[in-house]
Amino acid sequence: MKTKIKEIIESTETGQGKIFTYTVQFLIVVSLITFSISTLPNLSESTIRILLIIEIITVALFTLEYIARVVVADNKPGFIISFYGVIDLIAILPFYLSLGIDLRAVRIFRLLRLFRILKLIRYSKAINRFYKAFIIAKEELVLFTFASLILLYLSAVGIYYFENAAQPEQFKSVFHSLWWSVATLTTVGYGDIYPITAGGRIFTFCILMIGLGVVAVPTGLIASALSQARTEETKEN
């Protein structure tokens, strides 16, 4: 029986395994939709009751799934502290933490329901491919992130010295200038803070050109890693 349950839960090659996978995917989507609907104002009592019933049913099924995975796991402690094990637990934990309690401080745990969407990672080959791509390119991405933070700080310092005298209220300090750096380097450019001096504008132009590269580099890294992940997946199959 244990072997059969494990085969259904962990394999998508069999008909029963596919049914289980698609059912869990469907329940995750339903759970997220009902959570979103529950945030709407002026819901009727009957609607709230229906949403609660759906929540109870989905959480009960997720709980059974979690227990089943722990039972069939070869290394039970290892599964419990693994990425998927933690995500599966967090997906059901908010319901039990807030059950019968109306304390405002406890309501924050309801935000953890959003972790249910991460359960989809387990059941999607495409998402798993993205995960493998991030693993392949993680060292380059970490280095790029570190370099981006340095660039972010240097651009904040630069614009501060260019604009502080002309706009002391907008660019009060390097910390105030960091918001401009984030908006400029990510090429968002909200326009709430912008340079008015000639030096500041030239500096902004240079930062914008660098910002385009900042956006392009991780895209290239992920694209290359995805190609490698797809190649490895093809070889495995």
C-alpha atoms as a PDB file:
ATOM      1  CA  MET A   1       0.000   0.000   0.000  1.00  0.00           C
ATOM      2  CA  LYS A   2       2.799   2.406   0.920  1.00  0.00           C
ATOM      3  CA  THR A   3       4.566   1.686  -2.366  1.00  0.00           C
ATOM      4  CA  LYS A   4       1.357   2.257  -4.305  1.00  0.00           C
ATOM      5  CA  ILE A   5       0.670   5.575  -2.580  1.00  0.00           C
ATOM      6  CA  LYS A   6       4.257   6.686  -3.176  1.00  0.00           C
ATOM      7  CA  GLU A   7       3.964   5.830  -6.852  1.00  0.00           C
ATOM      8  CA  ILE A   8       0.755   7.861  -7.178  1.00  0.00           C
ATOM      9  CA  ILE A   9       2.166  10.861  -5.300  1.00  0.00           C
ATOM     10  CA  GLU A  10       5.639  11.028  -6.790  1.00  0.00           C
ATOM     11  CA  SER A  11       5.160   9.692 -10.328  1.00  0.00           C
ATOM     12  CA  THR A  12       3.411  11.412 -13.214  1.00  0.00           C
ATOM     13  CA  GLU A  13       3.968   8.528 -15.610  1.00  0.00           C
ATOM     14  CA  THR A  14       0.928   6.538 -14.487  1.00  0.00           C
ATOM     15  CA  GLY A  15      -2.713   7.485 -15.039  1.00  0.00           C
ATOM     16  CA  GLN A  16      -3.374   7.718 -11.310  1.00  0.00           C
ATOM     17  CA  GLY A  17      -0.272   9.836 -10.838  1.00  0.00           C
ATOM     18  CA  LYS A  18      -1.420  12.291 -13.521  1.00  0.00           C
ATOM     19  CA  ILE A  19      -4.894  12.505 -11.981  1.00  0.00           C
ATOM     20  CA  PHE A  20      -3.342  13.223  -8.565  1.00  0.00           C
ATOM     21  CA  THR A  21      -1.023  15.895 -10.013  1.00  0.00           C
ATOM     22  CA  TYR A  22      -3.780  17.678 -11.940  1.00  0.00           C
ATOM     23  CA  THR A  23      -6.124  17.487  -8.957  1.00  0.00           C
ATOM     24  CA  VAL A  24      -3.594  19.161  -6.662  1.00  0.00           C
ATOM     25  CA  GLN A  25      -2.916  21.824  -9.297  1.00  0.00           C
ATOM     26  CA  PHE A  26      -6.642  22.474  -9.576  1.00  0.00           C
ATOM     27  CA  LEU A  27      -7.020  22.726  -5.787  1.00  0.00           C
ATOM     28  CA  ILE A  28      -4.148  25.203  -5.560  1.00  0.00           C
ATOM     29  CA  VAL A  29      -5.740  27.445  -8.186  1.00  0.00           C
ATOM     30  CA  VAL A  30      -9.157  27.162  -6.515  1.00  0.00           C
ATOM     31  CA  SER A  31      -7.612  28.014  -3.153  1.00  0.00           C
ATOM     32  CA  LEU A  32      -5.900  31.121  -4.538  1.00  0.00           C
ATOM     33  CA  ILE A  33      -9.076  32.259  -6.291  1.00  0.00           C
ATOM     34  CA  THR A  34     -11.203  31.849  -3.161  1.00  0.00           C
ATOM     35  CA  PHE A  35      -8.567  33.677  -1.111  1.00  0.00           C
ATOM     36  CA  SER A  36      -8.710  36.584  -3.583  1.00  0.00           C
ATOM     37  CA  ILE A  37     -12.515  36.627  -3.574  1.00  0.00           C
ATOM     38  CA  SER A  38     -12.547  36.682   0.229  1.00  0.00           C
ATOM     39  CA  THR A  39     -10.767  40.056   0.171  1.00  0.00           C
ATOM     40  CA  LEU A  40     -13.660  41.694  -1.709  1.00  0.00           C
ATOM     41  CA  PRO A  41     -15.748  44.117   0.382  1.00  0.00           C
ATOM     42  CA  ASN A  42     -19.438  43.666   1.212  1.00  0.00           C
ATOM     43  CA  LEU A  43     -19.594  39.921   0.681  1.00  0.00           C
ATOM     44  CA  SER A  44     -22.848  38.288   1.680  1.00  0.00           C
ATOM     45  CA  GLU A  45     -23.004  35.829   4.554  1.00  0.00           C
ATOM     46  CA  SER A  46     -23.789  32.966   2.186  1.00  0.00           C
ATOM     47  CA  THR A  47     -20.759  33.787   0.015  1.00  0.00           C
ATOM     48  CA  ILE A  48     -18.483  33.945   3.052  1.00  0.00           C
ATOM     49  CA  ARG A  49     -19.868  30.596   4.215  1.00  0.00           C
ATOM     50  CA  ILE A  50     -19.240  29.006   0.808  1.00  0.00           C
ATOM     51  CA  LEU A  51     -15.686  30.370   0.704  1.00  0.00           C
ATOM     52  CA  LEU A  52     -15.042  28.999   4.184  1.00  0.00           C
ATOM     53  CA  ILE A  53     -16.324  25.562   3.189  1.00  0.00           C
ATOM     54  CA  ILE A  54     -14.086  25.542   0.107  1.00  0.00           C
ATOM     55  CA  GLU A  55     -11.143  26.635   2.279  1.00  0.00           C
ATOM     56  CA  ILE A  56     -11.787  23.843   4.769  1.00  0.00           C
ATOM     57  CA  ILE A  57     -12.036  21.228   2.010  1.00  0.00           C
ATOM     58  CA  THR A  58      -8.882  22.352   0.208  1.00  0.00           C
ATOM     59  CA  VAL A  59      -6.865  22.620   3.439  1.00  0.00           C
ATOM     60  CA  ALA A  60      -8.068  19.174   4.512  1.00  0.00           C
ATOM     61  CA  LEU A  61      -6.922  17.692   1.195  1.00  0.00           C
ATOM     62  CA  PHE A  62      -3.593  19.549   1.346  1.00  0.00           C
ATOM     63  CA  THR A  63      -3.135  18.233   4.897  1.00  0.00           C
ATOM     64  CA  LEU A  64      -3.783  14.661   3.770  1.00  0.00           C
ATOM     65  CA  GLU A  65      -1.316  15.156   0.933  1.00  0.00           C
ATOM     66  CA  TYR A  66       1.337  16.471   3.330  1.00  0.00           C
ATOM     67  CA  ILE A  67       0.827  13.579   5.768  1.00  0.00           C
ATOM     68  CA  ALA A  68       0.955  11.070   2.907  1.00  0.00           C
ATOM     69  CA  ARG A  69       4.223  12.544   1.617  1.00  0.00           C
ATOM     70  CA  VAL A  70       5.769  12.358   5.093  1.00  0.00           C
ATOM     71  CA  VAL A  71       4.612   8.747   5.501  1.00  0.00           C
ATOM     72  CA  VAL A  72       5.990   7.519   2.150  1.00  0.00           C
ATOM     73  CA  ALA A  73       9.212   9.545   2.307  1.00  0.00           C
ATOM     74  CA  ASP A  74      12.350   7.410   2.602  1.00  0.00           C
ATOM     75  CA  ASN A  75      13.967  10.109   4.734  1.00  0.00           C
ATOM     76  CA  LYS A  76      11.126  11.662   6.727  1.00  0.00           C
ATOM     77  CA  PRO A  77      13.152  14.344   8.605  1.00  0.00           C
ATOM     78  CA  GLY A  78      14.887  15.204   5.350  1.00  0.00           C
ATOM     79  CA  PHE A  79      11.573  15.732   3.562  1.00  0.00           C
ATOM     80  CA  ILE A  80      10.116  17.827   6.395  1.00  0.00           C
ATOM     81  CA  ILE A  81      13.002  20.316   6.280  1.00  0.00           C
ATOM     82  CA  SER A  82      13.363  20.218   2.486  1.00  0.00           C
ATOM     83  CA  PHE A  83      12.211  23.074   0.240  1.00  0.00           C
ATOM     84  CA  TYR A  84       9.065  21.282  -0.893  1.00  0.00           C
ATOM     85  CA  GLY A  85       8.351  19.968   2.598  1.00  0.00           C
ATOM     86  CA  VAL A  86       8.497  23.455   4.100  1.00  0.00           C
ATOM     87  CA  ILE A  87       6.336  24.899   1.303  1.00  0.00           C
ATOM     88  CA  ASP A  88       3.731  22.145   1.772  1.00  0.00           C
ATOM     89  CA  LEU A  89       3.616  22.846   5.503  1.00  0.00           C
ATOM     90  CA  ILE A  90       3.407  26.622   5.104  1.00  0.00           C
ATOM     91  CA  ALA A  91       0.554  26.137   2.612  1.00  0.00           C
ATOM     92  CA  ILE A  92      -1.683  24.646   5.327  1.00  0.00           C
ATOM     93  CA  LEU A  93      -0.286  26.232   8.489  1.00  0.00           C
ATOM     94  CA  PRO A  94      -2.098  29.630   8.257  1.00  0.00           C
ATOM     95  CA  PHE A  95      -5.498  27.946   8.347  1.00  0.00           C
ATOM     96  CA  TYR A  96      -4.734  26.148  11.611  1.00  0.00           C
ATOM     97  CA  LEU A  97      -3.038  29.174  13.164  1.00  0.00           C
ATOM     98  CA  SER A  98      -6.021  31.470  12.548  1.00  0.00           C
ATOM     99  CA  LEU A  99      -8.750  28.871  13.147  1.00  0.00           C
ATOM    100  CA  GLY A 100     -11.103  30.181  15.801  1.00  0.00           C
ATOM    101  CA  ILE A 101      -8.851  33.148  16.580  1.00  0.00           C
ATOM    102  CA  ASP A 102      -9.667  36.714  15.614  1.00  0.00           C
ATOM    103  CA  LEU A 103      -6.581  38.441  16.960  1.00  0.00           C
ATOM    104  CA  ARG A 104      -5.248  41.067  14.572  1.00  0.00           C
ATOM    105  CA  ALA A 105      -1.660  39.969  15.167  1.00  0.00           C
ATOM    106  CA  VAL A 106      -2.473  36.414  14.092  1.00  0.00           C
ATOM    107  CA  ARG A 107      -4.117  37.540  10.861  1.00  0.00           C
ATOM    108  CA  ILE A 108      -0.696  38.227   9.366  1.00  0.00           C
ATOM    109  CA  PHE A 109      -0.239  34.450   9.053  1.00  0.00           C
ATOM    110  CA  ARG A 110      -2.987  34.443   6.426  1.00  0.00           C
ATOM    111  CA  LEU A 111      -0.514  36.059   4.068  1.00  0.00           C
ATOM    112  CA  LEU A 112       1.357  32.769   4.104  1.00  0.00           C
ATOM    113  CA  ARG A 113      -1.487  31.322   2.033  1.00  0.00           C
ATOM    114  CA  LEU A 114       0.255  32.891  -0.926  1.00  0.00           C
ATOM    115  CA  PHE A 115       2.944  30.238  -0.522  1.00  0.00           C
ATOM    116  CA  ARG A 116       0.436  27.778  -1.944  1.00  0.00           C
ATOM    117  CA  ILE A 117       1.295  29.082  -5.365  1.00  0.00           C
ATOM    118  CA  LEU A 118       4.821  27.739  -4.803  1.00  0.00           C
ATOM    119  CA  LYS A 119       3.299  24.262  -4.562  1.00  0.00           C
ATOM    120  CA  LEU A 120       2.760  24.529  -8.301  1.00  0.00           C
ATOM    121  CA  ILE A 121       6.538  24.280  -8.742  1.00  0.00           C
ATOM    122  CA  ARG A 122       6.362  20.620  -7.804  1.00  0.00           C
ATOM    123  CA  TYR A 123       3.878  19.858 -10.580  1.00  0.00           C
ATOM    124  CA  SER A 124       5.196  21.926 -13.486  1.00  0.00           C
ATOM    125  CA  LYS A 125       8.070  20.742 -15.662  1.00  0.00           C
ATOM    126  CA  ALA A 126       8.475  24.259 -17.071  1.00  0.00           C
ATOM    127  CA  ILE A 127       8.742  25.822 -13.605  1.00  0.00           C
ATOM    128  CA  ASN A 128      11.170  23.092 -12.557  1.00  0.00           C
ATOM    129  CA  ARG A 129      13.223  23.947 -15.623  1.00  0.00           C
ATOM    130  CA  PHE A 130      13.359  27.574 -14.460  1.00  0.00           C
ATOM    131  CA  TYR A 131      14.424  26.373 -11.012  1.00  0.00           C
ATOM    132  CA  LYS A 132      17.246  24.311 -12.564  1.00  0.00           C
ATOM    133  CA  ALA A 133      18.259  27.347 -14.627  1.00  0.00           C
ATOM    134  CA  PHE A 134      18.545  29.481 -11.490  1.00  0.00           C
ATOM    135  CA  ILE A 135      20.667  26.761  -9.860  1.00  0.00           C
ATOM    136  CA  ILE A 136      22.943  26.625 -12.913  1.00  0.00           C
ATOM    137  CA  ALA A 137      23.385  30.406 -13.024  1.00  0.00           C
ATOM    138  CA  LYS A 138      23.232  31.113  -9.279  1.00  0.00           C
ATOM    139  CA  GLU A 139      26.908  32.075  -8.887  1.00  0.00           C
ATOM    140  CA  GLU A 140      26.728  34.525 -11.805  1.00  0.00           C
ATOM    141  CA  LEU A 141      23.429  35.923 -10.505  1.00  0.00           C
ATOM    142  CA  VAL A 142      24.841  36.403  -7.007  1.00  0.00           C
ATOM    143  CA  LEU A 143      27.867  38.216  -8.453  1.00  0.00           C
ATOM    144  CA  PHE A 144      25.622  40.331 -10.666  1.00  0.00           C
ATOM    145  CA  THR A 145      23.366  41.221  -7.712  1.00  0.00           C
ATOM    146  CA  PHE A 146      26.375  42.261  -5.635  1.00  0.00           C
ATOM    147  CA  ALA A 147      27.711  44.397  -8.505  1.00  0.00           C
ATOM    148  CA  SER A 148      24.249  45.952  -8.974  1.00  0.00           C
ATOM    149  CA  LEU A 149      24.095  46.950  -5.298  1.00  0.00           C
ATOM    150  CA  ILE A 150      27.495  48.621  -5.578  1.00  0.00           C
ATOM    151  CA  LEU A 151      26.374  50.429  -8.728  1.00  0.00           C
ATOM    152  CA  LEU A 152      23.148  51.452  -6.992  1.00  0.00           C
ATOM    153  CA  TYR A 153      25.079  53.014  -4.137  1.00  0.00           C
ATOM    154  CA  LEU A 154      27.608  54.763  -6.394  1.00  0.00           C
ATOM    155  CA  SER A 155      24.837  56.268  -8.536  1.00  0.00           C
ATOM    156  CA  ALA A 156      23.096  57.552  -5.387  1.00  0.00           C
ATOM    157  CA  VAL A 157      26.331  59.181  -4.238  1.00  0.00           C
ATOM    158  CA  GLY A 158      26.930  60.674  -7.684  1.00  0.00           C
ATOM    159  CA  ILE A 159      23.483  62.226  -8.100  1.00  0.00           C
ATOM    160  CA  TYR A 160      23.635  63.521  -4.533  1.00  0.00           C
ATOM    161  CA  TYR A 161      26.739  65.574  -5.269  1.00  0.00           C
ATOM    162  CA  PHE A 162      25.313  66.830  -8.564  1.00  0.00           C
ATOM    163  CA  GLU A 163      21.841  67.774  -7.302  1.00  0.00           C
ATOM    164  CA  ASN A 164      22.054  68.405  -3.554  1.00  0.00           C
ATOM    165  CA  ALA A 165      22.870  72.110  -3.919  1.00  0.00           C
ATOM    166  CA  ALA A 166      20.138  72.681  -6.538  1.00  0.00           C
ATOM    167  CA  GLN A 167      17.467  70.470  -4.932  1.00  0.00           C
ATOM    168  CA  PRO A 168      18.221  70.152  -1.205  1.00  0.00           C
ATOM    169  CA  GLU A 169      14.684  68.954  -0.429  1.00  0.00           C
ATOM    170  CA  GLN A 170      14.657  66.182  -3.039  1.00  0.00           C
ATOM    171  CA  PHE A 171      18.251  64.999  -2.628  1.00  0.00           C
ATOM    172  CA  LYS A 172      18.758  65.577   1.101  1.00  0.00           C
ATOM    173  CA  SER A 173      21.235  62.741   1.531  1.00  0.00           C
ATOM    174  CA  VAL A 174      22.628  59.661  -0.149  1.00  0.00           C
ATOM    175  CA  PHE A 175      19.801  57.668   1.420  1.00  0.00           C
ATOM    176  CA  HIS A 176      17.184  59.963  -0.144  1.00  0.00           C
ATOM    177  CA  SER A 177      19.006  59.644  -3.466  1.00  0.00           C
ATOM    178  CA  LEU A 178      18.769  55.851  -3.387  1.00  0.00           C
ATOM    179  CA  TRP A 179      15.128  56.007  -4.512  1.00  0.00           C
ATOM    180  CA  TRP A 180      16.208  57.928  -7.621  1.00  0.00           C
ATOM    181  CA  SER A 181      18.943  55.336  -8.211  1.00  0.00           C
ATOM    182  CA  VAL A 182      16.501  52.427  -8.033  1.00  0.00           C
ATOM    183  CA  ALA A 183      13.995  54.102 -10.371  1.00  0.00           C
ATOM    184  CA  THR A 184      16.719  55.063 -12.858  1.00  0.00           C
ATOM    185  CA  LEU A 185      18.795  51.880 -12.885  1.00  0.00           C
ATOM    186  CA  THR A 186      15.693  49.758 -13.373  1.00  0.00           C
ATOM    187  CA  THR A 187      14.688  52.185 -16.174  1.00  0.00           C
ATOM    188  CA  VAL A 188      11.307  52.726 -14.483  1.00  0.00           C
ATOM    189  CA  GLY A 189      11.759  56.475 -14.101  1.00  0.00           C
ATOM    190  CA  TYR A 190       8.717  57.509 -12.082  1.00  0.00           C
ATOM    191  CA  GLY A 191       9.557  61.190 -12.539  1.00  0.00           C
ATOM    192  CA  ASP A 192       8.883  62.196  -8.944  1.00  0.00           C
ATOM    193  CA  ILE A 193      12.598  62.951  -8.468  1.00  0.00           C
ATOM    194  CA  TYR A 194      14.680  64.092 -11.432  1.00  0.00           C
ATOM    195  CA  PRO A 195      17.848  66.141 -12.023  1.00  0.00           C
ATOM    196  CA  ILE A 196      17.700  69.784 -13.112  1.00  0.00           C
ATOM    197  CA  THR A 197      21.409  70.594 -13.377  1.00  0.00           C
ATOM    198  CA  ALA A 198      23.420  69.967 -16.543  1.00  0.00           C
ATOM    199  CA  GLY A 199      25.849  67.712 -14.684  1.00  0.00           C
ATOM    200  CA  GLY A 200      23.024  65.786 -13.086  1.00  0.00           C
ATOM    201  CA  ARG A 201      21.329  65.206 -16.436  1.00  0.00           C
ATOM    202  CA  ILE A 202      24.524  63.992 -18.086  1.00  0.00           C
ATOM    203  CA  PHE A 203      25.127  61.716 -15.116  1.00  0.00           C
ATOM    204  CA  THR A 204      21.532  60.443 -15.412  1.00  0.00           C
ATOM    205  CA  PHE A 205      22.062  59.669 -19.108  1.00  0.00           C
ATOM    206  CA  CYS A 206      25.103  57.563 -18.240  1.00  0.00           C
ATOM    207  CA  ILE A 207      23.198  55.752 -15.490  1.00  0.00           C
ATOM    208  CA  LEU A 208      20.286  55.068 -17.872  1.00  0.00           C
ATOM    209  CA  MET A 209      22.657  53.484 -20.394  1.00  0.00           C
ATOM    210  CA  ILE A 210      24.105  51.326 -17.635  1.00  0.00           C
ATOM    211  CA  GLY A 211      20.564  50.523 -16.464  1.00  0.00           C
ATOM    212  CA  LEU A 212      19.731  49.017 -19.844  1.00  0.00           C
ATOM    213  CA  GLY A 213      22.679  46.665 -19.404  1.00  0.00           C
ATOM    214  CA  VAL A 214      21.608  45.884 -15.846  1.00  0.00           C
ATOM    215  CA  VAL A 215      18.269  44.635 -17.173  1.00  0.00           C
ATOM    216  CA  ALA A 216      19.816  42.738 -20.087  1.00  0.00           C
ATOM    217  CA  VAL A 217      22.548  40.825 -18.223  1.00  0.00           C
ATOM    218  CA  PRO A 218      20.344  38.626 -15.977  1.00  0.00           C
ATOM    219  CA  THR A 219      18.017  37.997 -18.930  1.00  0.00           C
ATOM    220  CA  GLY A 220      20.929  36.619 -20.919  1.00  0.00           C
ATOM    221  CA  LEU A 221      22.155  34.549 -17.989  1.00  0.00           C
ATOM    222  CA  ILE A 222      18.734  32.956 -17.435  1.00  0.00           C
ATOM    223  CA  ALA A 223      18.213  32.359 -21.154  1.00  0.00           C
ATOM    224  CA  SER A 224      21.560  30.562 -21.403  1.00  0.00           C
ATOM    225  CA  ALA A 225      20.874  28.545 -18.243  1.00  0.00           C
ATOM    226  CA  LEU A 226      17.401  27.589 -19.518  1.00  0.00           C
ATOM    227  CA  SER A 227      18.935  26.304 -22.730  1.00  0.00           C
ATOM    228  CA  GLN A 228      21.401  24.213 -20.706  1.00  0.00           C
ATOM    229  CA  ALA A 229      18.624  22.925 -18.435  1.00  0.00           C
ATOM    230  CA  ARG A 230      16.531  21.906 -21.439  1.00  0.00           C
ATOM    231  CA  THR A 231      19.522  20.102 -22.957  1.00  0.00           C
ATOM    232  CA  GLU A 232      20.160  18.200 -19.724  1.00  0.00           C
ATOM    233  CA  GLU A 233      16.479  17.327 -19.449  1.00  0.00           C
ATOM    234  CA  THR A 234      16.486  15.963 -23.012  1.00  0.00           C
ATOM    235  CA  LYS A 235      19.529  13.806 -22.247  1.00  0.00           C
ATOM    236  CA  GLU A 236      17.866  12.420 -19.086  1.00  0.00           C
ATOM    237  CA  ASN A 237      14.774  11.446 -21.087  1.00  0.00           C
END
